[in-house]
Amino acid sequence: MKSRDIKWIKACIEFAKIFSTCAKKQYSCFIIDKNGYGRIVGQGYNGVPSDMTHCTDGGCPRQLNNAPSGSPYDFGQGLCYSSHAEISALAHGDGSRYDQSTLYVNGEPCLTCAKSIAAAGIKRIVHLQEEDKIGSDEVRKFLKKASVEIVSINL
């Protein structure tokens, strides 16, 4: 772990408080260039697509259905319309600069995000550790198999 890792995780925490529109948990993500110069090549936060009612404004099916933390996002009472912060950062960043870069996020990635991160060529993830994250072991196994370094930070 490097001192800049702590700075970027703190930036994720603060950015999420300002921009995330998720009613349950606020996440944000920064993708930093491979050269370590601190240049942002992607950034995102969790929230619904444009023109949809934000979850914080009552549009969250998970909150309306009182879905338990960690329940599946794609169907049933756990249905979620938000894009995760990592997917948003990948979609709205400079994909030509992702190879060998570092992704910072203020929570542990889910398997769907982990697959997209690995496919984008990102080789290092620094995340804020979450004690209650379901499926973390499977995600870590997948990322290790995909040769992605994982750094967990507990502030």
N, C-alpha and C. Protein backbone atom coordinates (compact mmCIF):
# COMPACT_ATOMS: atom_id res chain seq x y z
N MET A 1 0.84 -1.18 0.00
CA MET A 1 0.00 0.00 0.00
C MET A 1 0.89 1.24 0.00
N LYS A 2 0.48 2.22 -0.78
CA LYS A 2 1.23 3.46 -0.91
C LYS A 2 0.42 4.61 -0.31
N SER A 3 1.07 5.70 0.03
CA SER A 3 0.36 6.83 0.63
C SER A 3 -0.68 7.39 -0.32
N ARG A 4 -0.41 7.35 -1.63
CA ARG A 4 -1.40 7.86 -2.58
C ARG A 4 -2.64 6.98 -2.62
N ASP A 5 -2.49 5.69 -2.26
CA ASP A 5 -3.66 4.81 -2.19
C ASP A 5 -4.67 5.33 -1.18
N ILE A 6 -4.18 5.75 -0.03
CA ILE A 6 -5.07 6.30 1.01
C ILE A 6 -5.74 7.57 0.50
N LYS A 7 -4.99 8.42 -0.17
CA LYS A 7 -5.55 9.67 -0.70
C LYS A 7 -6.67 9.40 -1.69
N TRP A 8 -6.46 8.42 -2.59
CA TRP A 8 -7.48 8.14 -3.60
C TRP A 8 -8.72 7.49 -2.97
N ILE A 9 -8.52 6.65 -1.97
CA ILE A 9 -9.68 6.05 -1.29
C ILE A 9 -10.48 7.14 -0.58
N LYS A 10 -9.79 8.07 0.07
CA LYS A 10 -10.48 9.19 0.72
C LYS A 10 -11.21 10.05 -0.31
N ALA A 11 -10.61 10.22 -1.49
CA ALA A 11 -11.27 10.96 -2.56
C ALA A 11 -12.54 10.23 -3.01
N CYS A 12 -12.47 8.91 -3.10
CA CYS A 12 -13.65 8.12 -3.47
C CYS A 12 -14.77 8.32 -2.45
N ILE A 13 -14.43 8.28 -1.18
CA ILE A 13 -15.44 8.44 -0.12
C ILE A 13 -16.13 9.79 -0.24
N GLU A 14 -15.35 10.85 -0.41
CA GLU A 14 -15.93 12.20 -0.49
C GLU A 14 -16.70 12.41 -1.78
N PHE A 15 -16.18 11.93 -2.90
CA PHE A 15 -16.84 12.07 -4.20
C PHE A 15 -18.19 11.35 -4.17
N ALA A 16 -18.23 10.18 -3.55
CA ALA A 16 -19.47 9.41 -3.46
C ALA A 16 -20.53 10.16 -2.67
N LYS A 17 -20.12 10.82 -1.58
CA LYS A 17 -21.07 11.58 -0.76
C LYS A 17 -21.74 12.68 -1.57
N ILE A 18 -21.01 13.24 -2.51
CA ILE A 18 -21.51 14.38 -3.29
C ILE A 18 -22.34 13.92 -4.49
N PHE A 19 -21.87 12.89 -5.21
CA PHE A 19 -22.47 12.57 -6.50
C PHE A 19 -23.34 11.31 -6.55
N SER A 20 -23.09 10.33 -5.72
CA SER A 20 -23.86 9.09 -5.80
C SER A 20 -25.33 9.35 -5.54
N THR A 21 -26.17 8.69 -6.31
CA THR A 21 -27.62 8.85 -6.14
C THR A 21 -28.26 7.57 -5.62
N CYS A 22 -27.45 6.64 -5.11
CA CYS A 22 -27.97 5.40 -4.55
C CYS A 22 -28.53 5.68 -3.15
N ALA A 23 -29.69 5.14 -2.88
CA ALA A 23 -30.32 5.35 -1.58
C ALA A 23 -29.77 4.43 -0.50
N LYS A 24 -29.07 3.36 -0.89
CA LYS A 24 -28.59 2.39 0.09
C LYS A 24 -27.12 2.59 0.46
N LYS A 25 -26.23 2.60 -0.54
CA LYS A 25 -24.81 2.79 -0.28
C LYS A 25 -24.22 3.67 -1.37
N GLN A 26 -23.35 4.57 -0.99
CA GLN A 26 -22.74 5.50 -1.94
C GLN A 26 -21.31 5.05 -2.27
N TYR A 27 -21.09 4.86 -3.56
CA TYR A 27 -19.77 4.45 -4.04
C TYR A 27 -19.31 5.38 -5.15
N SER A 28 -18.00 5.53 -5.25
CA SER A 28 -17.42 6.20 -6.41
C SER A 28 -16.10 5.52 -6.73
N CYS A 29 -15.60 5.80 -7.90
CA CYS A 29 -14.45 5.09 -8.42
C CYS A 29 -13.59 6.04 -9.24
N PHE A 30 -12.28 5.89 -9.12
CA PHE A 30 -11.33 6.61 -9.97
C PHE A 30 -10.41 5.58 -10.60
N ILE A 31 -10.11 5.77 -11.88
CA ILE A 31 -9.11 4.96 -12.57
C ILE A 31 -7.94 5.89 -12.84
N ILE A 32 -6.76 5.50 -12.36
CA ILE A 32 -5.58 6.34 -12.43
C ILE A 32 -4.57 5.72 -13.40
N ASP A 33 -3.94 6.55 -14.21
CA ASP A 33 -3.04 6.09 -15.27
C ASP A 33 -1.93 5.17 -14.76
N LYS A 34 -1.44 4.36 -15.66
CA LYS A 34 -0.43 3.36 -15.31
C LYS A 34 0.91 3.96 -14.91
N ASN A 35 1.17 5.17 -15.32
CA ASN A 35 2.46 5.78 -15.02
C ASN A 35 2.56 6.28 -13.59
N GLY A 36 1.44 6.28 -12.89
CA GLY A 36 1.46 6.70 -11.50
C GLY A 36 1.56 8.20 -11.32
N TYR A 37 1.26 8.95 -12.36
CA TYR A 37 1.34 10.41 -12.25
C TYR A 37 0.11 11.00 -11.57
N GLY A 38 -0.87 10.16 -11.30
CA GLY A 38 -2.07 10.65 -10.66
C GLY A 38 -3.08 11.23 -11.63
N ARG A 39 -2.92 10.92 -12.90
CA ARG A 39 -3.88 11.42 -13.88
C ARG A 39 -5.12 10.53 -13.90
N ILE A 40 -6.26 11.15 -13.80
CA ILE A 40 -7.53 10.42 -13.82
C ILE A 40 -7.86 10.09 -15.27
N VAL A 41 -8.04 8.80 -15.56
CA VAL A 41 -8.42 8.38 -16.90
C VAL A 41 -9.85 7.83 -16.91
N GLY A 42 -10.47 7.75 -15.75
CA GLY A 42 -11.87 7.34 -15.64
C GLY A 42 -12.38 7.65 -14.25
N GLN A 43 -13.63 8.01 -14.16
CA GLN A 43 -14.25 8.23 -12.85
C GLN A 43 -15.74 7.98 -12.97
N GLY A 44 -16.32 7.53 -11.88
CA GLY A 44 -17.75 7.25 -11.89
C GLY A 44 -18.28 7.09 -10.49
N TYR A 45 -19.59 6.99 -10.41
CA TYR A 45 -20.28 6.79 -9.14
C TYR A 45 -21.52 5.95 -9.43
N ASN A 46 -22.10 5.37 -8.38
CA ASN A 46 -23.28 4.55 -8.61
C ASN A 46 -24.53 5.43 -8.69
N GLY A 47 -25.33 5.13 -9.71
CA GLY A 47 -26.56 5.87 -9.93
C GLY A 47 -27.27 5.36 -11.18
N VAL A 48 -28.52 5.75 -11.32
CA VAL A 48 -29.34 5.30 -12.45
C VAL A 48 -28.98 6.08 -13.71
N PRO A 49 -29.34 5.54 -14.89
CA PRO A 49 -29.12 6.26 -16.14
C PRO A 49 -29.89 7.59 -16.17
N SER A 50 -29.44 8.48 -17.02
CA SER A 50 -30.10 9.78 -17.18
C SER A 50 -31.58 9.60 -17.45
N ASP A 51 -32.35 10.55 -17.01
CA ASP A 51 -33.81 10.61 -17.22
C ASP A 51 -34.60 9.58 -16.41
N MET A 52 -33.96 8.87 -15.50
CA MET A 52 -34.69 7.99 -14.59
C MET A 52 -34.74 8.66 -13.23
N THR A 53 -35.74 8.29 -12.43
CA THR A 53 -35.84 8.85 -11.08
C THR A 53 -34.70 8.31 -10.23
N HIS A 54 -33.93 9.21 -9.66
CA HIS A 54 -32.82 8.80 -8.80
C HIS A 54 -33.33 7.99 -7.62
N CYS A 55 -32.53 7.06 -7.19
CA CYS A 55 -32.90 6.23 -6.04
C CYS A 55 -33.13 7.10 -4.80
N THR A 56 -32.32 8.14 -4.65
CA THR A 56 -32.46 9.04 -3.51
C THR A 56 -33.75 9.84 -3.57
N ASP A 57 -34.40 9.83 -4.74
CA ASP A 57 -35.68 10.54 -4.92
C ASP A 57 -36.86 9.57 -4.95
N GLY A 58 -36.66 8.34 -4.47
CA GLY A 58 -37.74 7.38 -4.38
C GLY A 58 -37.83 6.36 -5.51
N GLY A 59 -36.84 6.31 -6.39
CA GLY A 59 -36.90 5.39 -7.53
C GLY A 59 -36.17 4.08 -7.33
N CYS A 60 -35.85 3.72 -6.12
CA CYS A 60 -35.05 2.52 -5.85
C CYS A 60 -35.92 1.30 -5.54
N PRO A 61 -35.98 0.32 -6.45
CA PRO A 61 -36.74 -0.89 -6.17
C PRO A 61 -36.19 -1.67 -4.96
N ARG A 62 -34.88 -1.66 -4.78
CA ARG A 62 -34.28 -2.38 -3.65
C ARG A 62 -34.76 -1.81 -2.32
N GLN A 63 -34.79 -0.49 -2.24
CA GLN A 63 -35.24 0.15 -1.00
C GLN A 63 -36.75 -0.04 -0.81
N LEU A 64 -37.51 0.10 -1.88
CA LEU A 64 -38.96 -0.07 -1.80
C LEU A 64 -39.34 -1.49 -1.37
N ASN A 65 -38.53 -2.48 -1.79
CA ASN A 65 -38.79 -3.88 -1.46
C ASN A 65 -38.02 -4.35 -0.23
N ASN A 66 -37.28 -3.43 0.42
CA ASN A 66 -36.49 -3.76 1.61
C ASN A 66 -35.56 -4.95 1.35
N ALA A 67 -34.87 -4.92 0.20
CA ALA A 67 -33.97 -6.01 -0.18
C ALA A 67 -32.78 -6.08 0.77
N PRO A 68 -32.41 -7.28 1.19
CA PRO A 68 -31.25 -7.42 2.08
C PRO A 68 -29.95 -7.11 1.36
N SER A 69 -28.99 -6.58 2.08
CA SER A 69 -27.67 -6.30 1.53
C SER A 69 -27.07 -7.58 0.96
N GLY A 70 -26.52 -7.47 -0.24
CA GLY A 70 -25.88 -8.62 -0.88
C GLY A 70 -26.81 -9.46 -1.72
N SER A 71 -28.12 -9.16 -1.72
CA SER A 71 -29.04 -9.94 -2.55
C SER A 71 -28.79 -9.62 -4.02
N PRO A 72 -29.15 -10.53 -4.94
CA PRO A 72 -28.89 -10.32 -6.37
C PRO A 72 -29.51 -9.02 -6.87
N TYR A 73 -28.78 -8.35 -7.77
CA TYR A 73 -29.20 -7.04 -8.28
C TYR A 73 -30.10 -7.12 -9.51
N ASP A 74 -30.13 -8.26 -10.17
CA ASP A 74 -30.74 -8.31 -11.49
C ASP A 74 -32.15 -8.87 -11.57
N PHE A 75 -32.74 -9.24 -10.44
CA PHE A 75 -34.10 -9.78 -10.49
C PHE A 75 -34.72 -9.78 -9.09
N GLY A 76 -36.03 -9.99 -9.06
CA GLY A 76 -36.74 -10.14 -7.79
C GLY A 76 -36.72 -8.90 -6.94
N GLN A 77 -36.84 -9.10 -5.64
CA GLN A 77 -36.92 -7.97 -4.71
C GLN A 77 -35.63 -7.17 -4.66
N GLY A 78 -34.54 -7.75 -5.13
CA GLY A 78 -33.25 -7.05 -5.11
C GLY A 78 -32.94 -6.26 -6.36
N LEU A 79 -33.90 -6.15 -7.29
CA LEU A 79 -33.69 -5.46 -8.55
C LEU A 79 -33.10 -4.08 -8.34
N CYS A 80 -32.05 -3.78 -9.10
CA CYS A 80 -31.36 -2.49 -9.00
C CYS A 80 -31.21 -1.89 -10.39
N TYR A 81 -31.55 -0.62 -10.54
CA TYR A 81 -31.43 0.07 -11.82
C TYR A 81 -30.11 0.83 -11.95
N SER A 82 -29.37 0.96 -10.86
CA SER A 82 -28.13 1.74 -10.88
C SER A 82 -27.00 1.00 -11.56
N SER A 83 -26.14 1.79 -12.19
CA SER A 83 -24.86 1.28 -12.65
C SER A 83 -23.91 1.40 -11.47
N HIS A 84 -23.07 0.40 -11.29
CA HIS A 84 -22.08 0.48 -10.22
C HIS A 84 -21.01 1.50 -10.59
N ALA A 85 -20.35 2.03 -9.59
CA ALA A 85 -19.34 3.06 -9.79
C ALA A 85 -18.24 2.59 -10.76
N GLU A 86 -17.83 1.33 -10.63
CA GLU A 86 -16.75 0.82 -11.48
C GLU A 86 -17.19 0.77 -12.94
N ILE A 87 -18.41 0.31 -13.18
CA ILE A 87 -18.93 0.24 -14.55
C ILE A 87 -19.07 1.65 -15.13
N SER A 88 -19.56 2.57 -14.33
CA SER A 88 -19.69 3.96 -14.76
C SER A 88 -18.33 4.56 -15.13
N ALA A 89 -17.32 4.31 -14.30
CA ALA A 89 -15.97 4.83 -14.57
C ALA A 89 -15.41 4.23 -15.86
N LEU A 90 -15.63 2.94 -16.07
CA LEU A 90 -15.14 2.29 -17.29
C LEU A 90 -15.87 2.84 -18.52
N ALA A 91 -17.16 3.07 -18.40
CA ALA A 91 -17.97 3.52 -19.53
C ALA A 91 -17.69 4.97 -19.92
N HIS A 92 -17.36 5.80 -18.94
CA HIS A 92 -17.21 7.23 -19.21
C HIS A 92 -15.77 7.72 -19.18
N GLY A 93 -14.83 6.79 -19.18
CA GLY A 93 -13.42 7.18 -19.14
C GLY A 93 -12.73 6.98 -20.48
N ASP A 94 -11.42 7.05 -20.44
CA ASP A 94 -10.58 6.89 -21.63
C ASP A 94 -10.05 5.47 -21.67
N GLY A 95 -10.82 4.58 -22.26
CA GLY A 95 -10.48 3.16 -22.29
C GLY A 95 -9.14 2.84 -22.92
N SER A 96 -8.64 3.73 -23.77
CA SER A 96 -7.34 3.48 -24.40
C SER A 96 -6.20 3.59 -23.39
N ARG A 97 -6.49 4.12 -22.19
CA ARG A 97 -5.44 4.32 -21.18
C ARG A 97 -5.64 3.42 -19.95
N TYR A 98 -6.53 2.44 -20.02
CA TYR A 98 -6.80 1.58 -18.87
C TYR A 98 -5.73 0.52 -18.65
N ASP A 99 -5.07 0.09 -19.70
CA ASP A 99 -4.11 -1.01 -19.58
C ASP A 99 -3.06 -0.70 -18.51
N GLN A 100 -2.95 -1.58 -17.54
CA GLN A 100 -1.97 -1.49 -16.45
C GLN A 100 -2.28 -0.39 -15.44
N SER A 101 -3.47 0.21 -15.48
CA SER A 101 -3.80 1.29 -14.56
C SER A 101 -4.30 0.73 -13.22
N THR A 102 -4.55 1.63 -12.28
CA THR A 102 -5.08 1.27 -10.96
C THR A 102 -6.49 1.82 -10.82
N LEU A 103 -7.39 0.98 -10.32
CA LEU A 103 -8.76 1.38 -10.06
C LEU A 103 -8.95 1.49 -8.56
N TYR A 104 -9.49 2.62 -8.11
CA TYR A 104 -9.78 2.87 -6.70
C TYR A 104 -11.29 2.92 -6.52
N VAL A 105 -11.80 2.27 -5.50
CA VAL A 105 -13.23 2.30 -5.21
C VAL A 105 -13.43 2.17 -3.70
N ASN A 106 -14.41 2.88 -3.18
CA ASN A 106 -14.63 2.88 -1.73
C ASN A 106 -15.54 1.74 -1.29
N GLY A 107 -15.33 0.57 -1.84
CA GLY A 107 -16.04 -0.65 -1.46
C GLY A 107 -15.47 -1.80 -2.28
N GLU A 108 -15.82 -3.00 -1.91
CA GLU A 108 -15.30 -4.16 -2.65
C GLU A 108 -16.11 -4.39 -3.91
N PRO A 109 -15.45 -4.59 -5.04
CA PRO A 109 -16.18 -4.84 -6.29
C PRO A 109 -16.99 -6.14 -6.24
N CYS A 110 -18.12 -6.13 -6.94
CA CYS A 110 -18.89 -7.36 -7.11
C CYS A 110 -18.27 -8.14 -8.28
N LEU A 111 -18.74 -9.35 -8.49
CA LEU A 111 -18.18 -10.17 -9.56
C LEU A 111 -18.42 -9.56 -10.94
N THR A 112 -19.58 -8.99 -11.19
CA THR A 112 -19.85 -8.36 -12.48
C THR A 112 -18.85 -7.24 -12.76
N CYS A 113 -18.62 -6.40 -11.77
CA CYS A 113 -17.64 -5.32 -11.94
C CYS A 113 -16.23 -5.88 -12.09
N ALA A 114 -15.89 -6.90 -11.31
CA ALA A 114 -14.56 -7.50 -11.39
C ALA A 114 -14.28 -8.03 -12.79
N LYS A 115 -15.27 -8.65 -13.41
CA LYS A 115 -15.09 -9.18 -14.78
C LYS A 115 -14.83 -8.04 -15.76
N SER A 116 -15.56 -6.94 -15.62
CA SER A 116 -15.37 -5.80 -16.51
C SER A 116 -14.01 -5.13 -16.28
N ILE A 117 -13.61 -5.04 -15.02
CA ILE A 117 -12.31 -4.45 -14.68
C ILE A 117 -11.17 -5.27 -15.31
N ALA A 118 -11.22 -6.57 -15.14
CA ALA A 118 -10.18 -7.44 -15.70
C ALA A 118 -10.18 -7.37 -17.22
N ALA A 119 -11.35 -7.35 -17.84
CA ALA A 119 -11.45 -7.29 -19.30
C ALA A 119 -10.90 -5.98 -19.85
N ALA A 120 -10.97 -4.91 -19.06
CA ALA A 120 -10.46 -3.60 -19.49
C ALA A 120 -8.94 -3.50 -19.43
N GLY A 121 -8.29 -4.47 -18.80
CA GLY A 121 -6.84 -4.46 -18.71
C GLY A 121 -6.29 -3.80 -17.47
N ILE A 122 -7.15 -3.45 -16.53
CA ILE A 122 -6.70 -2.86 -15.27
C ILE A 122 -6.00 -3.95 -14.47
N LYS A 123 -4.84 -3.63 -13.92
CA LYS A 123 -4.03 -4.65 -13.25
C LYS A 123 -3.96 -4.49 -11.75
N ARG A 124 -4.59 -3.45 -11.21
CA ARG A 124 -4.51 -3.23 -9.77
C ARG A 124 -5.81 -2.58 -9.30
N ILE A 125 -6.36 -3.13 -8.22
CA ILE A 125 -7.55 -2.56 -7.59
C ILE A 125 -7.20 -2.25 -6.14
N VAL A 126 -7.51 -1.04 -5.73
CA VAL A 126 -7.39 -0.66 -4.33
C VAL A 126 -8.80 -0.32 -3.88
N HIS A 127 -9.28 -1.00 -2.84
CA HIS A 127 -10.65 -0.79 -2.40
C HIS A 127 -10.72 -0.68 -0.89
N LEU A 128 -11.76 -0.01 -0.45
CA LEU A 128 -12.06 0.08 0.98
C LEU A 128 -12.69 -1.24 1.39
N GLN A 129 -12.17 -1.83 2.42
CA GLN A 129 -12.66 -3.13 2.90
C GLN A 129 -14.06 -2.99 3.48
N GLU A 130 -14.92 -3.95 3.16
CA GLU A 130 -16.27 -4.00 3.71
C GLU A 130 -16.44 -5.32 4.44
N GLU A 131 -16.87 -5.25 5.67
CA GLU A 131 -17.01 -6.45 6.49
C GLU A 131 -18.19 -7.33 6.08
N ASP A 132 -19.25 -6.71 5.56
CA ASP A 132 -20.49 -7.46 5.31
C ASP A 132 -20.70 -7.83 3.84
N LYS A 133 -19.66 -7.72 3.01
CA LYS A 133 -19.83 -7.94 1.58
C LYS A 133 -19.95 -9.43 1.28
N ILE A 134 -21.08 -9.83 0.73
CA ILE A 134 -21.32 -11.22 0.36
C ILE A 134 -20.63 -11.50 -0.97
N GLY A 135 -19.95 -12.63 -1.08
CA GLY A 135 -19.31 -13.03 -2.32
C GLY A 135 -17.90 -12.53 -2.50
N SER A 136 -17.33 -11.87 -1.50
CA SER A 136 -15.99 -11.30 -1.64
C SER A 136 -14.93 -12.35 -1.94
N ASP A 137 -15.03 -13.53 -1.32
CA ASP A 137 -14.03 -14.57 -1.56
C ASP A 137 -14.00 -14.99 -3.03
N GLU A 138 -15.18 -15.15 -3.64
CA GLU A 138 -15.26 -15.54 -5.04
C GLU A 138 -14.67 -14.46 -5.94
N VAL A 139 -14.93 -13.21 -5.61
CA VAL A 139 -14.41 -12.09 -6.40
C VAL A 139 -12.89 -12.07 -6.32
N ARG A 140 -12.34 -12.24 -5.12
CA ARG A 140 -10.88 -12.24 -4.95
C ARG A 140 -10.23 -13.39 -5.72
N LYS A 141 -10.85 -14.57 -5.68
CA LYS A 141 -10.33 -15.72 -6.43
C LYS A 141 -10.32 -15.43 -7.93
N PHE A 142 -11.41 -14.85 -8.42
CA PHE A 142 -11.49 -14.51 -9.84
C PHE A 142 -10.39 -13.51 -10.22
N LEU A 143 -10.25 -12.43 -9.44
CA LEU A 143 -9.27 -11.40 -9.76
C LEU A 143 -7.85 -11.95 -9.71
N LYS A 144 -7.56 -12.81 -8.76
CA LYS A 144 -6.23 -13.43 -8.69
C LYS A 144 -5.98 -14.25 -9.95
N LYS A 145 -6.98 -15.01 -10.37
CA LYS A 145 -6.86 -15.83 -11.58
C LYS A 145 -6.66 -14.95 -12.82
N ALA A 146 -7.23 -13.75 -12.80
CA ALA A 146 -7.10 -12.80 -13.90
C ALA A 146 -5.85 -11.93 -13.78
N SER A 147 -4.99 -12.22 -12.82
CA SER A 147 -3.73 -11.50 -12.58
C SER A 147 -3.95 -10.02 -12.25
N VAL A 148 -4.99 -9.75 -11.46
CA VAL A 148 -5.26 -8.39 -11.00
C VAL A 148 -4.87 -8.32 -9.53
N GLU A 149 -3.97 -7.42 -9.20
CA GLU A 149 -3.55 -7.23 -7.81
C GLU A 149 -4.68 -6.56 -7.03
N ILE A 150 -4.91 -7.01 -5.81
CA ILE A 150 -5.96 -6.46 -4.97
C ILE A 150 -5.33 -5.93 -3.68
N VAL A 151 -5.65 -4.69 -3.36
CA VAL A 151 -5.20 -4.08 -2.11
C VAL A 151 -6.44 -3.65 -1.35
N SER A 152 -6.63 -4.20 -0.16
CA SER A 152 -7.77 -3.84 0.70
C SER A 152 -7.29 -2.86 1.75
N ILE A 153 -8.02 -1.78 1.91
CA ILE A 153 -7.68 -0.75 2.89
C ILE A 153 -8.78 -0.70 3.93
N ASN A 154 -8.38 -0.70 5.19
CA ASN A 154 -9.31 -0.56 6.30
C ASN A 154 -8.95 0.72 7.03
N LEU A 155 -9.74 1.78 6.81
CA LEU A 155 -9.44 3.08 7.45
C LEU A 155 -9.93 3.11 8.88
